[in-house]
Amino acid sequence: MDSSKPETGYAKELEGESLFERFVGPHAPYYILAWSNMQGRWASWNWSAFLFGDAWLFYRKMYLYGVIYSLCRILLTPLLTAPTFFKTPLDVDLIALLAPHTLLMNVVLGIAGNHLYFRHAQKKIDSASTKHEAHHLLLSIEAMGGVSLAALLMIPLLALLEHLIPFLLDTNISYQWFQSSQTF
């Protein structure tokens, strides 16, 4: 077996072409090599997962993981930081980015990202293999895999939500906003 392809259980071949390569798309060599080097371990480093977090998950079409990651970050930020620190949108950005829980989540995703992506790809390929005959299988795998630029449009919406939650939770800011809106 070619050393650039994953070991047993990691490679699925159809007419000489790796289904994983078809699933991943243009960046397949990086992931195939990373999965090969993992050799059954779950830990390896993925800079994109570390740096971009939920955006990477959505981009790679791991929507469930992306939603879970985003919700954890969105809900933990105001709970683990004092709401009175949020005075400007810049404060929210700095606290969200520098908060220890966010950094920890990014590190964990950087370490486990390749494993999560492999498991995601494996489940999708196995699902497609049971549902489709060989001539439709490759098209199905390409459609389920690859990347989603449209999903990246969700990131600004999540950022907006992340900015709104702390302000809504901080009763002082909410009360001041309510009082100012009552002025005629």
N, C-alpha and C. Protein backbone atom coordinates (compact mmCIF):
# COMPACT_ATOMS: atom_id res chain seq x y z
N MET A 1 0.84 -1.19 0.00
CA MET A 1 0.00 0.00 0.00
C MET A 1 0.88 1.24 0.00
N ASP A 2 0.49 2.24 -0.72
CA ASP A 2 1.22 3.51 -0.81
C ASP A 2 1.34 4.13 0.58
N SER A 3 2.54 4.60 0.94
CA SER A 3 2.75 5.15 2.28
C SER A 3 2.02 6.47 2.49
N SER A 4 1.57 7.13 1.42
CA SER A 4 0.85 8.39 1.58
C SER A 4 -0.63 8.16 1.88
N LYS A 5 -1.05 6.91 1.89
CA LYS A 5 -2.44 6.60 2.17
C LYS A 5 -2.57 6.01 3.57
N PRO A 6 -3.70 6.21 4.21
CA PRO A 6 -3.86 5.70 5.57
C PRO A 6 -3.75 4.18 5.62
N GLU A 7 -3.40 3.69 6.81
CA GLU A 7 -3.26 2.26 7.02
C GLU A 7 -4.64 1.59 7.04
N THR A 8 -4.66 0.31 7.34
CA THR A 8 -5.88 -0.47 7.32
C THR A 8 -6.98 0.24 8.09
N GLY A 9 -8.17 0.20 7.55
CA GLY A 9 -9.29 0.89 8.15
C GLY A 9 -9.34 2.35 7.75
N TYR A 10 -8.24 2.91 7.28
CA TYR A 10 -8.21 4.31 6.90
C TYR A 10 -8.35 4.49 5.39
N ALA A 11 -8.02 3.49 4.61
CA ALA A 11 -8.11 3.63 3.16
C ALA A 11 -9.22 2.75 2.62
N LYS A 12 -10.00 3.32 1.76
CA LYS A 12 -11.04 2.58 1.06
C LYS A 12 -10.83 2.87 -0.40
N GLU A 13 -10.62 1.84 -1.16
CA GLU A 13 -10.29 2.02 -2.56
C GLU A 13 -11.46 1.63 -3.45
N LEU A 14 -11.66 2.36 -4.52
CA LEU A 14 -12.62 2.02 -5.56
C LEU A 14 -11.93 2.30 -6.88
N GLU A 15 -11.66 1.24 -7.61
CA GLU A 15 -10.99 1.35 -8.90
C GLU A 15 -9.72 2.18 -8.81
N GLY A 16 -8.93 1.94 -7.76
CA GLY A 16 -7.62 2.58 -7.62
C GLY A 16 -7.66 4.00 -7.08
N GLU A 17 -8.80 4.60 -6.89
CA GLU A 17 -8.85 5.98 -6.39
C GLU A 17 -9.42 5.98 -4.97
N SER A 18 -8.74 6.65 -4.08
CA SER A 18 -9.15 6.67 -2.68
C SER A 18 -10.45 7.46 -2.52
N LEU A 19 -11.40 6.84 -1.85
CA LEU A 19 -12.65 7.54 -1.57
C LEU A 19 -12.41 8.71 -0.63
N PHE A 20 -11.43 8.57 0.25
CA PHE A 20 -11.10 9.68 1.13
C PHE A 20 -10.58 10.88 0.34
N GLU A 21 -9.77 10.62 -0.66
CA GLU A 21 -9.27 11.72 -1.49
C GLU A 21 -10.42 12.41 -2.19
N ARG A 22 -11.37 11.65 -2.69
CA ARG A 22 -12.53 12.25 -3.35
C ARG A 22 -13.37 13.03 -2.35
N PHE A 23 -13.47 12.52 -1.12
CA PHE A 23 -14.27 13.19 -0.10
C PHE A 23 -13.65 14.52 0.30
N VAL A 24 -12.35 14.53 0.56
CA VAL A 24 -11.67 15.74 1.05
C VAL A 24 -11.56 16.81 -0.03
N GLY A 25 -11.21 16.42 -1.22
CA GLY A 25 -11.06 17.39 -2.30
C GLY A 25 -9.63 17.84 -2.47
N PRO A 26 -9.41 19.12 -2.83
CA PRO A 26 -8.08 19.60 -3.21
C PRO A 26 -7.00 19.44 -2.13
N HIS A 27 -7.35 19.48 -0.87
CA HIS A 27 -6.34 19.38 0.20
C HIS A 27 -6.20 17.96 0.71
N ALA A 28 -6.60 16.99 -0.09
CA ALA A 28 -6.53 15.59 0.32
C ALA A 28 -5.13 15.14 0.71
N PRO A 29 -4.07 15.52 -0.02
CA PRO A 29 -2.74 15.04 0.39
C PRO A 29 -2.38 15.37 1.84
N TYR A 30 -2.75 16.58 2.30
CA TYR A 30 -2.46 16.94 3.69
C TYR A 30 -3.18 15.99 4.65
N TYR A 31 -4.48 15.80 4.43
CA TYR A 31 -5.26 14.98 5.35
C TYR A 31 -4.89 13.50 5.27
N ILE A 32 -4.65 12.99 4.07
CA ILE A 32 -4.25 11.60 3.92
C ILE A 32 -2.94 11.35 4.67
N LEU A 33 -1.98 12.26 4.53
CA LEU A 33 -0.72 12.13 5.24
C LEU A 33 -0.92 12.23 6.76
N ALA A 34 -1.73 13.19 7.19
CA ALA A 34 -1.99 13.35 8.63
C ALA A 34 -2.65 12.10 9.19
N TRP A 35 -3.63 11.55 8.47
CA TRP A 35 -4.31 10.35 8.93
C TRP A 35 -3.37 9.16 8.94
N SER A 36 -2.47 9.07 7.97
CA SER A 36 -1.48 7.98 7.93
C SER A 36 -0.54 8.07 9.13
N ASN A 37 -0.12 9.27 9.45
CA ASN A 37 0.79 9.47 10.58
C ASN A 37 0.13 9.23 11.93
N MET A 38 -1.18 9.33 11.98
CA MET A 38 -1.89 9.12 13.24
C MET A 38 -1.81 7.67 13.69
N GLN A 39 -1.82 6.72 12.77
CA GLN A 39 -1.71 5.29 13.05
C GLN A 39 -2.57 4.86 14.23
N GLY A 40 -3.84 5.17 14.18
CA GLY A 40 -4.77 4.75 15.21
C GLY A 40 -4.89 5.69 16.40
N ARG A 41 -3.98 6.67 16.52
CA ARG A 41 -4.08 7.64 17.61
C ARG A 41 -5.09 8.70 17.21
N TRP A 42 -5.60 9.41 18.17
CA TRP A 42 -6.57 10.47 17.87
C TRP A 42 -5.91 11.85 17.83
N ALA A 43 -4.68 11.95 18.28
CA ALA A 43 -4.04 13.26 18.40
C ALA A 43 -3.05 13.52 17.27
N SER A 44 -3.23 14.64 16.62
CA SER A 44 -2.27 15.20 15.67
C SER A 44 -2.61 16.68 15.57
N TRP A 45 -1.72 17.47 15.03
CA TRP A 45 -1.95 18.92 15.05
C TRP A 45 -2.52 19.41 13.73
N ASN A 46 -3.54 20.27 13.81
CA ASN A 46 -4.13 20.89 12.63
C ASN A 46 -4.19 22.40 12.89
N TRP A 47 -3.32 23.16 12.21
CA TRP A 47 -3.26 24.59 12.41
C TRP A 47 -4.57 25.28 12.03
N SER A 48 -5.20 24.84 10.96
CA SER A 48 -6.45 25.48 10.54
C SER A 48 -7.53 25.32 11.60
N ALA A 49 -7.63 24.12 12.17
CA ALA A 49 -8.63 23.89 13.23
C ALA A 49 -8.33 24.77 14.43
N PHE A 50 -7.04 24.88 14.80
CA PHE A 50 -6.65 25.69 15.95
C PHE A 50 -6.93 27.17 15.71
N LEU A 51 -6.56 27.68 14.55
CA LEU A 51 -6.68 29.11 14.28
C LEU A 51 -8.10 29.56 13.97
N PHE A 52 -8.87 28.72 13.31
CA PHE A 52 -10.18 29.15 12.82
C PHE A 52 -11.36 28.51 13.54
N GLY A 53 -11.15 27.52 14.38
CA GLY A 53 -12.19 26.95 15.22
C GLY A 53 -13.45 26.56 14.48
N ASP A 54 -14.56 27.18 14.89
CA ASP A 54 -15.85 26.82 14.30
C ASP A 54 -15.91 27.10 12.80
N ALA A 55 -15.20 28.12 12.34
CA ALA A 55 -15.18 28.40 10.89
C ALA A 55 -14.59 27.22 10.13
N TRP A 56 -13.54 26.59 10.67
CA TRP A 56 -12.94 25.41 10.03
C TRP A 56 -13.93 24.25 10.03
N LEU A 57 -14.63 24.06 11.14
CA LEU A 57 -15.61 22.97 11.20
C LEU A 57 -16.72 23.16 10.17
N PHE A 58 -17.24 24.37 10.06
CA PHE A 58 -18.29 24.63 9.07
C PHE A 58 -17.73 24.52 7.65
N TYR A 59 -16.55 25.02 7.42
CA TYR A 59 -15.91 24.96 6.11
C TYR A 59 -15.74 23.51 5.66
N ARG A 60 -15.39 22.63 6.57
CA ARG A 60 -15.19 21.21 6.27
C ARG A 60 -16.50 20.41 6.36
N LYS A 61 -17.63 21.08 6.46
CA LYS A 61 -18.97 20.49 6.48
C LYS A 61 -19.22 19.59 7.69
N MET A 62 -18.58 19.90 8.79
CA MET A 62 -18.83 19.19 10.05
C MET A 62 -19.77 20.07 10.86
N TYR A 63 -21.00 20.17 10.38
CA TYR A 63 -21.96 21.13 10.91
C TYR A 63 -22.33 20.87 12.37
N LEU A 64 -22.55 19.63 12.73
CA LEU A 64 -22.92 19.33 14.12
C LEU A 64 -21.80 19.73 15.07
N TYR A 65 -20.57 19.35 14.75
CA TYR A 65 -19.44 19.76 15.58
C TYR A 65 -19.31 21.28 15.62
N GLY A 66 -19.55 21.93 14.50
CA GLY A 66 -19.47 23.38 14.44
C GLY A 66 -20.49 24.06 15.33
N VAL A 67 -21.70 23.54 15.32
CA VAL A 67 -22.76 24.11 16.16
C VAL A 67 -22.43 23.89 17.63
N ILE A 68 -22.00 22.69 17.98
CA ILE A 68 -21.65 22.40 19.38
C ILE A 68 -20.50 23.29 19.84
N TYR A 69 -19.47 23.40 19.03
CA TYR A 69 -18.32 24.24 19.36
C TYR A 69 -18.76 25.70 19.54
N SER A 70 -19.54 26.20 18.60
CA SER A 70 -19.99 27.60 18.66
C SER A 70 -20.85 27.85 19.87
N LEU A 71 -21.79 26.96 20.14
CA LEU A 71 -22.67 27.15 21.30
C LEU A 71 -21.88 27.12 22.60
N CYS A 72 -20.92 26.22 22.71
CA CYS A 72 -20.10 26.18 23.92
C CYS A 72 -19.36 27.50 24.10
N ARG A 73 -18.75 27.98 23.04
CA ARG A 73 -18.01 29.24 23.13
C ARG A 73 -18.94 30.41 23.42
N ILE A 74 -20.06 30.46 22.73
CA ILE A 74 -21.00 31.58 22.91
C ILE A 74 -21.58 31.59 24.31
N LEU A 75 -21.91 30.43 24.84
CA LEU A 75 -22.53 30.37 26.16
C LEU A 75 -21.50 30.49 27.29
N LEU A 76 -20.30 29.99 27.07
CA LEU A 76 -19.30 30.05 28.14
C LEU A 76 -18.67 31.43 28.28
N THR A 77 -18.55 32.17 27.21
CA THR A 77 -17.88 33.47 27.29
C THR A 77 -18.55 34.40 28.31
N PRO A 78 -19.86 34.64 28.23
CA PRO A 78 -20.44 35.54 29.24
C PRO A 78 -20.52 34.91 30.62
N LEU A 79 -20.58 33.59 30.69
CA LEU A 79 -20.67 32.96 32.00
C LEU A 79 -19.33 32.94 32.73
N LEU A 80 -18.24 32.84 31.99
CA LEU A 80 -16.92 32.74 32.61
C LEU A 80 -16.18 34.06 32.67
N THR A 81 -16.76 35.10 32.12
CA THR A 81 -16.16 36.43 32.22
C THR A 81 -17.21 37.35 32.83
N ALA A 82 -16.76 38.33 33.54
CA ALA A 82 -17.69 39.24 34.20
C ALA A 82 -18.40 40.10 33.17
N PRO A 83 -19.74 40.08 33.14
CA PRO A 83 -20.47 40.88 32.15
C PRO A 83 -20.18 42.38 32.23
N THR A 84 -19.75 42.86 33.38
CA THR A 84 -19.48 44.30 33.49
C THR A 84 -18.24 44.71 32.70
N PHE A 85 -17.42 43.75 32.27
CA PHE A 85 -16.26 44.08 31.45
C PHE A 85 -16.66 44.49 30.04
N PHE A 86 -17.85 44.11 29.61
CA PHE A 86 -18.27 44.36 28.25
C PHE A 86 -18.78 45.80 28.11
N LYS A 87 -17.91 46.69 27.71
CA LYS A 87 -18.31 48.08 27.56
C LYS A 87 -18.39 48.48 26.09
N THR A 88 -17.57 47.86 25.26
CA THR A 88 -17.59 48.14 23.82
C THR A 88 -17.50 46.82 23.08
N PRO A 89 -17.86 46.81 21.80
CA PRO A 89 -17.71 45.58 21.02
C PRO A 89 -16.27 45.07 21.00
N LEU A 90 -15.29 45.99 21.06
CA LEU A 90 -13.90 45.57 21.08
C LEU A 90 -13.60 44.77 22.34
N ASP A 91 -14.17 45.20 23.48
CA ASP A 91 -14.00 44.45 24.72
C ASP A 91 -14.51 43.03 24.58
N VAL A 92 -15.66 42.88 23.94
CA VAL A 92 -16.24 41.55 23.74
C VAL A 92 -15.29 40.69 22.91
N ASP A 93 -14.76 41.25 21.83
CA ASP A 93 -13.84 40.50 20.98
C ASP A 93 -12.59 40.09 21.75
N LEU A 94 -12.01 41.02 22.49
CA LEU A 94 -10.78 40.72 23.21
C LEU A 94 -11.02 39.67 24.29
N ILE A 95 -12.10 39.80 25.03
CA ILE A 95 -12.38 38.84 26.09
C ILE A 95 -12.68 37.47 25.49
N ALA A 96 -13.46 37.42 24.41
CA ALA A 96 -13.79 36.14 23.79
C ALA A 96 -12.54 35.46 23.23
N LEU A 97 -11.63 36.24 22.65
CA LEU A 97 -10.43 35.64 22.06
C LEU A 97 -9.39 35.28 23.10
N LEU A 98 -9.29 36.05 24.16
CA LEU A 98 -8.24 35.84 25.15
C LEU A 98 -8.69 35.02 26.35
N ALA A 99 -9.98 34.73 26.43
CA ALA A 99 -10.48 33.96 27.56
C ALA A 99 -9.84 32.58 27.56
N PRO A 100 -9.45 32.10 28.71
CA PRO A 100 -8.79 30.79 28.79
C PRO A 100 -9.61 29.65 28.20
N HIS A 101 -10.93 29.70 28.37
CA HIS A 101 -11.75 28.61 27.83
C HIS A 101 -11.73 28.60 26.30
N THR A 102 -11.66 29.78 25.67
CA THR A 102 -11.60 29.84 24.22
C THR A 102 -10.26 29.30 23.72
N LEU A 103 -9.21 29.70 24.36
CA LEU A 103 -7.89 29.19 23.99
C LEU A 103 -7.83 27.68 24.18
N LEU A 104 -8.36 27.20 25.30
CA LEU A 104 -8.37 25.77 25.56
C LEU A 104 -9.19 25.03 24.50
N MET A 105 -10.35 25.56 24.14
CA MET A 105 -11.17 24.93 23.10
C MET A 105 -10.41 24.88 21.77
N ASN A 106 -9.71 25.96 21.43
CA ASN A 106 -8.95 25.99 20.18
C ASN A 106 -7.80 24.99 20.19
N VAL A 107 -7.13 24.86 21.32
CA VAL A 107 -6.04 23.89 21.42
C VAL A 107 -6.59 22.47 21.27
N VAL A 108 -7.68 22.17 21.96
CA VAL A 108 -8.28 20.83 21.85
C VAL A 108 -8.70 20.55 20.41
N LEU A 109 -9.31 21.53 19.76
CA LEU A 109 -9.71 21.34 18.37
C LEU A 109 -8.49 21.19 17.47
N GLY A 110 -7.43 21.93 17.74
CA GLY A 110 -6.20 21.78 16.97
C GLY A 110 -5.61 20.39 17.09
N ILE A 111 -5.70 19.81 18.28
CA ILE A 111 -5.17 18.47 18.53
C ILE A 111 -6.09 17.39 17.96
N ALA A 112 -7.39 17.55 18.13
CA ALA A 112 -8.34 16.51 17.74
C ALA A 112 -8.98 16.73 16.37
N GLY A 113 -8.69 17.86 15.73
CA GLY A 113 -9.36 18.21 14.47
C GLY A 113 -9.19 17.17 13.37
N ASN A 114 -7.97 16.68 13.17
CA ASN A 114 -7.75 15.68 12.12
C ASN A 114 -8.52 14.40 12.42
N HIS A 115 -8.55 14.02 13.68
CA HIS A 115 -9.30 12.81 14.06
C HIS A 115 -10.80 13.00 13.83
N LEU A 116 -11.33 14.15 14.26
CA LEU A 116 -12.75 14.44 14.03
C LEU A 116 -13.09 14.41 12.55
N TYR A 117 -12.21 15.00 11.76
CA TYR A 117 -12.47 15.05 10.32
C TYR A 117 -12.38 13.66 9.70
N PHE A 118 -11.44 12.84 10.17
CA PHE A 118 -11.36 11.48 9.66
C PHE A 118 -12.62 10.70 9.99
N ARG A 119 -13.07 10.77 11.24
CA ARG A 119 -14.29 10.05 11.65
C ARG A 119 -15.50 10.55 10.86
N HIS A 120 -15.57 11.83 10.66
CA HIS A 120 -16.66 12.41 9.87
C HIS A 120 -16.63 11.87 8.44
N ALA A 121 -15.45 11.90 7.83
CA ALA A 121 -15.31 11.39 6.46
C ALA A 121 -15.64 9.90 6.40
N GLN A 122 -15.15 9.15 7.37
CA GLN A 122 -15.39 7.70 7.39
C GLN A 122 -16.89 7.40 7.49
N LYS A 123 -17.60 8.09 8.36
CA LYS A 123 -19.04 7.87 8.49
C LYS A 123 -19.79 8.23 7.21
N LYS A 124 -19.42 9.34 6.60
CA LYS A 124 -20.08 9.76 5.36
C LYS A 124 -19.80 8.77 4.23
N ILE A 125 -18.57 8.32 4.12
CA ILE A 125 -18.20 7.36 3.07
C ILE A 125 -18.91 6.03 3.30
N ASP A 126 -18.93 5.56 4.54
CA ASP A 126 -19.63 4.31 4.85
C ASP A 126 -21.12 4.42 4.54
N SER A 127 -21.71 5.56 4.89
CA SER A 127 -23.12 5.78 4.60
C SER A 127 -23.39 5.77 3.10
N ALA A 128 -22.56 6.47 2.37
CA ALA A 128 -22.73 6.52 0.91
C ALA A 128 -22.51 5.14 0.29
N SER A 129 -21.57 4.37 0.82
CA SER A 129 -21.26 3.05 0.28
C SER A 129 -22.43 2.09 0.41
N THR A 130 -23.22 2.24 1.46
CA THR A 130 -24.37 1.36 1.64
C THR A 130 -25.58 1.81 0.85
N LYS A 131 -25.61 3.07 0.45
CA LYS A 131 -26.78 3.61 -0.24
C LYS A 131 -26.64 3.67 -1.76
N HIS A 132 -25.42 3.69 -2.27
CA HIS A 132 -25.21 3.94 -3.69
C HIS A 132 -24.40 2.82 -4.35
N GLU A 133 -24.69 2.60 -5.62
CA GLU A 133 -23.90 1.68 -6.41
C GLU A 133 -22.62 2.39 -6.84
N ALA A 134 -21.65 1.63 -7.32
CA ALA A 134 -20.32 2.15 -7.61
C ALA A 134 -20.34 3.38 -8.52
N HIS A 135 -21.17 3.39 -9.57
CA HIS A 135 -21.13 4.51 -10.50
C HIS A 135 -21.70 5.80 -9.91
N HIS A 136 -22.51 5.71 -8.88
CA HIS A 136 -23.03 6.92 -8.23
C HIS A 136 -22.26 7.25 -6.94
N LEU A 137 -21.47 6.31 -6.49
CA LEU A 137 -20.78 6.47 -5.21
C LEU A 137 -19.81 7.65 -5.22
N LEU A 138 -18.98 7.75 -6.24
CA LEU A 138 -18.00 8.84 -6.28
C LEU A 138 -18.66 10.21 -6.30
N LEU A 139 -19.72 10.35 -7.08
CA LEU A 139 -20.43 11.63 -7.12
C LEU A 139 -21.05 11.95 -5.76
N SER A 140 -21.61 10.95 -5.12
CA SER A 140 -22.22 11.14 -3.81
C SER A 140 -21.18 11.55 -2.78
N ILE A 141 -20.03 10.89 -2.80
CA ILE A 141 -18.96 11.20 -1.84
C ILE A 141 -18.42 12.61 -2.07
N GLU A 142 -18.24 12.99 -3.31
CA GLU A 142 -17.77 14.35 -3.60
C GLU A 142 -18.77 15.40 -3.12
N ALA A 143 -20.07 15.11 -3.27
CA ALA A 143 -21.09 16.06 -2.84
C ALA A 143 -21.15 16.17 -1.32
N MET A 144 -20.98 15.05 -0.62
CA MET A 144 -21.03 15.07 0.85
C MET A 144 -19.77 15.67 1.45
N GLY A 145 -18.65 15.54 0.75
CA GLY A 145 -17.38 16.01 1.28
C GLY A 145 -17.01 17.37 0.74
N GLY A 146 -15.72 17.58 0.65
CA GLY A 146 -15.23 18.87 0.16
C GLY A 146 -15.39 19.95 1.19
N VAL A 147 -15.61 21.15 0.71
CA VAL A 147 -15.73 22.30 1.60
C VAL A 147 -17.00 23.07 1.26
N SER A 148 -17.42 23.90 2.20
CA SER A 148 -18.61 24.71 2.01
C SER A 148 -18.29 26.17 2.26
N LEU A 149 -18.16 26.91 1.19
CA LEU A 149 -17.95 28.35 1.34
C LEU A 149 -19.21 29.03 1.86
N ALA A 150 -20.37 28.49 1.49
CA ALA A 150 -21.64 29.07 1.95
C ALA A 150 -21.76 28.96 3.46
N ALA A 151 -21.26 27.88 4.04
CA ALA A 151 -21.34 27.72 5.49
C ALA A 151 -20.53 28.78 6.22
N LEU A 152 -19.51 29.29 5.56
CA LEU A 152 -18.71 30.35 6.18
C LEU A 152 -19.53 31.62 6.39
N LEU A 153 -20.61 31.77 5.65
CA LEU A 153 -21.47 32.94 5.85
C LEU A 153 -22.16 32.91 7.21
N MET A 154 -22.21 31.73 7.82
CA MET A 154 -22.82 31.62 9.14
C MET A 154 -21.93 32.25 10.22
N ILE A 155 -20.66 32.33 9.97
CA ILE A 155 -19.72 32.81 10.99
C ILE A 155 -20.02 34.25 11.40
N PRO A 156 -20.27 35.19 10.47
CA PRO A 156 -20.62 36.54 10.93
C PRO A 156 -21.91 36.56 11.76
N LEU A 157 -22.86 35.69 11.44
CA LEU A 157 -24.08 35.63 12.24
C LEU A 157 -23.79 35.12 13.65
N LEU A 158 -22.92 34.13 13.74
CA LEU A 158 -22.53 33.64 15.06
C LEU A 158 -21.78 34.70 15.84
N ALA A 159 -20.94 35.47 15.16
CA ALA A 159 -20.20 36.55 15.82
C ALA A 159 -21.18 37.61 16.34
N LEU A 160 -22.18 37.93 15.55
CA LEU A 160 -23.20 38.89 16.00
C LEU A 160 -23.93 38.36 17.23
N LEU A 161 -24.31 37.09 17.20
CA LEU A 161 -24.96 36.48 18.35
C LEU A 161 -24.05 36.50 19.56
N GLU A 162 -22.79 36.21 19.34
CA GLU A 162 -21.82 36.22 20.43
C GLU A 162 -21.68 37.61 21.03
N HIS A 163 -21.83 38.64 20.21
CA HIS A 163 -21.75 40.01 20.70
C HIS A 163 -23.01 40.42 21.45
N LEU A 164 -24.15 39.90 21.04
CA LEU A 164 -25.41 40.30 21.65
C LEU A 164 -25.66 39.64 23.00
N ILE A 165 -25.29 38.40 23.16
CA ILE A 165 -25.58 37.67 24.39
C ILE A 165 -25.01 38.35 25.63
N PRO A 166 -23.74 38.75 25.65
CA PRO A 166 -23.24 39.41 26.86
C PRO A 166 -24.00 40.70 27.20
N PHE A 167 -24.37 41.46 26.20
CA PHE A 167 -25.11 42.69 26.45
C PHE A 167 -26.49 42.40 27.01
N LEU A 168 -27.12 41.35 26.52
CA LEU A 168 -28.44 41.00 27.02
C LEU A 168 -28.38 40.41 28.42
N LEU A 169 -27.28 39.74 28.74
CA LEU A 169 -27.13 39.15 30.07
C LEU A 169 -26.73 40.16 31.12
N ASP A 170 -26.09 41.20 30.72
CA ASP A 170 -25.68 42.23 31.66
C ASP A 170 -26.87 43.15 31.91
N THR A 171 -27.52 42.99 33.05
CA THR A 171 -28.74 43.75 33.33
C THR A 171 -28.49 45.25 33.36
N ASN A 172 -27.32 45.68 33.79
CA ASN A 172 -27.02 47.10 33.84
C ASN A 172 -27.05 47.70 32.43
N ILE A 173 -26.37 47.05 31.49
CA ILE A 173 -26.37 47.54 30.11
C ILE A 173 -27.77 47.45 29.52
N SER A 174 -28.46 46.32 29.78
CA SER A 174 -29.81 46.16 29.25
C SER A 174 -30.74 47.22 29.81
N TYR A 175 -30.62 47.51 31.10
CA TYR A 175 -31.47 48.51 31.72
C TYR A 175 -31.16 49.89 31.16
N GLN A 176 -29.88 50.23 31.00
CA GLN A 176 -29.51 51.52 30.43
C GLN A 176 -30.04 51.66 29.02
N TRP A 177 -29.95 50.61 28.22
CA TRP A 177 -30.48 50.65 26.86
C TRP A 177 -31.99 50.86 26.90
N PHE A 178 -32.67 50.16 27.82
CA PHE A 178 -34.12 50.29 27.93
C PHE A 178 -34.49 51.72 28.31
N GLN A 179 -33.76 52.29 29.28
CA GLN A 179 -34.05 53.65 29.71
C GLN A 179 -33.83 54.66 28.59
N SER A 180 -32.75 54.48 27.82
CA SER A 180 -32.48 55.43 26.75
C SER A 180 -33.47 55.30 25.62
N SER A 181 -34.03 54.14 25.43
CA SER A 181 -35.02 53.97 24.35
C SER A 181 -36.37 54.55 24.75
N GLN A 182 -36.58 54.81 26.04
CA GLN A 182 -37.85 55.36 26.52
C GLN A 182 -37.87 56.89 26.43
N THR A 183 -36.73 57.50 26.14
CA THR A 183 -36.64 58.95 26.05
C THR A 183 -37.23 59.40 24.72
N PHE A 184 -38.12 60.37 24.77
CA PHE A 184 -38.76 60.86 23.54
C PHE A 184 -38.21 62.17 23.15
